[in-house]
Amino acid sequence: MQEQIGRYSPGNEVKVGYIRNGDLRNVNVVLRNTKGDTSIVKESLSLLGAEFEPVSEADRAHFQLNSGVQVTNLSGGKLKDAGVQKKFIITDVNKISVSSKEDIERILMQTTDKKPVLVEGIYPDGQYAYYVLKPVK
């Protein structure tokens, strides 16, 4: 059922069937977001408090990276709170490779409310680091 509902957005009306006392019943329901309203929530990325850009070809070659997103600015948020610094190259979020800020957002949106987020990567000086962020949603 989750897969089917995942194809819709908050505010969409869907028909749901269920069985009660052996009888099949149908009801129309309006989908809501995690806040309980019908607006589309896109705040996971903004909660990180960072701006990102793709990793340069030179850095990808130097560090032998297949993917990555570099932190270009930090302005208060979960990344800064965890100790992440500017120029950190995020290679993986929750053990999934990332190549764009959209990849990060997609992974964060799929993360359950109470589960921490693992961010892995490398600094320009070659130091590998990982950070565990408090739940994002």
Protein backbone atom coordinates (compact mmCIF):
# COMPACT_ATOMS: atom_id res chain seq x y z
CA MET A 1 0.00 0.00 0.00
CA GLN A 2 2.85 2.39 0.81
CA GLU A 3 4.22 2.05 -2.71
CA GLN A 4 0.84 2.88 -4.22
CA ILE A 5 0.23 5.87 -1.94
CA GLY A 6 3.80 7.08 -2.57
CA ARG A 7 2.78 7.86 -6.15
CA TYR A 8 0.54 10.67 -4.92
CA SER A 9 1.15 13.98 -3.17
CA PRO A 10 -0.39 15.66 -0.13
CA GLY A 11 -3.75 17.10 -1.08
CA ASN A 12 -4.56 14.33 -3.58
CA GLU A 13 -7.78 12.41 -2.98
CA VAL A 14 -7.49 8.64 -3.31
CA LYS A 15 -10.00 5.81 -3.00
CA VAL A 16 -9.08 3.26 -0.35
CA GLY A 17 -10.73 -0.12 -0.01
CA TYR A 18 -10.86 -2.11 3.20
CA ILE A 19 -12.67 -5.10 4.65
CA ARG A 20 -14.84 -4.69 7.74
CA ASN A 21 -16.88 -7.59 9.14
CA GLY A 22 -16.33 -9.49 5.90
CA ASP A 23 -17.68 -6.66 3.73
CA LEU A 24 -15.55 -4.74 1.22
CA ARG A 25 -15.92 -1.01 1.77
CA ASN A 26 -14.46 1.98 -0.07
CA VAL A 27 -13.74 5.44 1.21
CA ASN A 28 -12.19 8.54 -0.37
CA VAL A 29 -9.38 10.06 1.67
CA VAL A 30 -7.34 13.23 1.23
CA LEU A 31 -3.62 12.62 1.74
CA ARG A 32 -1.77 14.74 4.27
CA ASN A 33 1.92 15.35 4.92
CA THR A 34 3.85 14.58 8.10
CA LYS A 35 2.69 17.90 9.57
CA GLY A 36 -0.95 16.92 9.10
CA ASP A 37 -1.83 19.38 6.34
CA THR A 38 -1.94 19.17 2.55
CA SER A 39 1.07 21.33 1.65
CA ILE A 40 4.03 19.69 -0.01
CA VAL A 41 6.88 19.50 2.50
CA LYS A 42 10.36 20.10 1.12
CA GLU A 43 12.17 21.10 4.25
CA SER A 44 14.56 18.20 4.83
CA LEU A 45 17.35 19.78 2.81
CA SER A 46 16.88 23.23 4.35
CA LEU A 47 17.15 21.73 7.84
CA LEU A 48 20.72 20.78 7.00
CA GLY A 49 21.57 24.48 6.77
CA ALA A 50 23.99 24.16 3.88
CA GLU A 51 24.49 24.97 0.23
CA PHE A 52 25.97 22.38 -2.10
CA GLU A 53 27.62 22.11 -5.49
CA PRO A 54 28.85 19.14 -7.51
CA VAL A 55 32.43 18.04 -6.88
CA SER A 56 34.86 19.32 -9.51
CA GLU A 57 36.35 16.84 -11.98
CA ALA A 58 39.79 17.65 -10.58
CA ASP A 59 38.74 16.75 -7.01
CA ARG A 60 36.94 13.63 -8.18
CA ALA A 61 40.11 12.49 -9.96
CA HIS A 62 42.43 13.49 -7.09
CA PHE A 63 40.41 11.62 -4.46
CA GLN A 64 39.34 8.84 -6.86
CA LEU A 65 35.66 9.55 -6.24
CA ASN A 66 32.80 8.32 -8.38
CA SER A 67 30.40 10.80 -6.85
CA GLY A 68 30.08 13.54 -4.27
CA VAL A 69 28.59 16.88 -3.36
CA GLN A 70 30.67 19.64 -1.79
CA VAL A 71 29.42 21.84 1.04
CA THR A 72 29.96 25.43 -0.10
CA ASN A 73 28.25 27.32 2.70
CA LEU A 74 26.96 26.57 6.20
CA SER A 75 24.35 28.69 7.94
CA GLY A 76 23.21 26.97 11.10
CA GLY A 77 21.49 23.65 10.82
CA LYS A 78 22.08 19.97 11.41
CA LEU A 79 25.33 19.75 9.43
CA LYS A 80 26.96 22.66 11.26
CA ASP A 81 25.65 21.35 14.60
CA ALA A 82 27.31 17.99 13.86
CA GLY A 83 30.65 19.69 13.15
CA VAL A 84 30.73 19.60 9.35
CA GLN A 85 32.91 22.35 7.86
CA LYS A 86 32.86 24.15 4.51
CA LYS A 87 34.42 22.31 1.58
CA PHE A 88 33.53 18.90 3.04
CA ILE A 89 32.73 16.53 0.18
CA ILE A 90 29.73 14.37 1.02
CA THR A 91 30.13 11.04 -0.76
CA ASP A 92 27.40 9.00 0.94
CA VAL A 93 24.24 9.58 2.94
CA ASN A 94 22.95 6.52 4.79
CA LYS A 95 25.45 4.39 2.81
CA ILE A 96 24.00 5.59 -0.53
CA SER A 97 26.28 7.47 -2.96
CA VAL A 98 25.23 11.03 -3.76
CA SER A 99 26.06 13.18 -6.79
CA SER A 100 23.65 16.09 -6.31
CA LYS A 101 21.68 17.95 -3.67
CA GLU A 102 18.59 16.25 -5.14
CA ASP A 103 20.13 12.87 -4.25
CA ILE A 104 20.59 14.07 -0.66
CA GLU A 105 17.02 15.34 -0.49
CA ARG A 106 15.60 12.10 -1.90
CA ILE A 107 17.47 10.02 0.68
CA LEU A 108 16.41 12.31 3.52
CA MET A 109 12.76 12.17 2.45
CA GLN A 110 12.93 8.36 2.56
CA THR A 111 14.44 8.30 6.05
CA THR A 112 12.03 7.56 8.87
CA ASP A 113 11.23 10.27 11.40
CA LYS A 114 13.22 8.87 14.31
CA LYS A 115 16.20 7.41 12.50
CA PRO A 116 19.54 9.25 12.57
CA VAL A 117 21.26 10.12 9.28
CA LEU A 118 24.82 8.97 8.50
CA VAL A 119 26.82 11.41 6.35
CA GLU A 120 30.22 10.26 5.04
CA GLY A 121 32.85 12.05 3.02
CA ILE A 122 36.27 13.60 2.72
CA TYR A 123 37.86 17.00 3.36
CA PRO A 124 40.15 18.71 0.81
CA ASP A 125 43.18 17.74 2.92
CA GLY A 126 42.35 14.06 2.38
CA GLN A 127 40.89 13.43 5.83
CA TYR A 128 37.90 11.09 5.74
CA ALA A 129 35.10 11.85 8.17
CA TYR A 130 31.61 10.75 9.04
CA TYR A 131 28.85 12.46 10.98
CA VAL A 132 25.69 11.14 12.54
CA LEU A 133 22.89 13.67 12.36
CA LYS A 134 19.86 13.72 14.60
CA PRO A 135 16.68 12.74 12.75
CA VAL A 136 16.04 15.23 9.94
CA LYS A 137 12.24 15.25 9.68
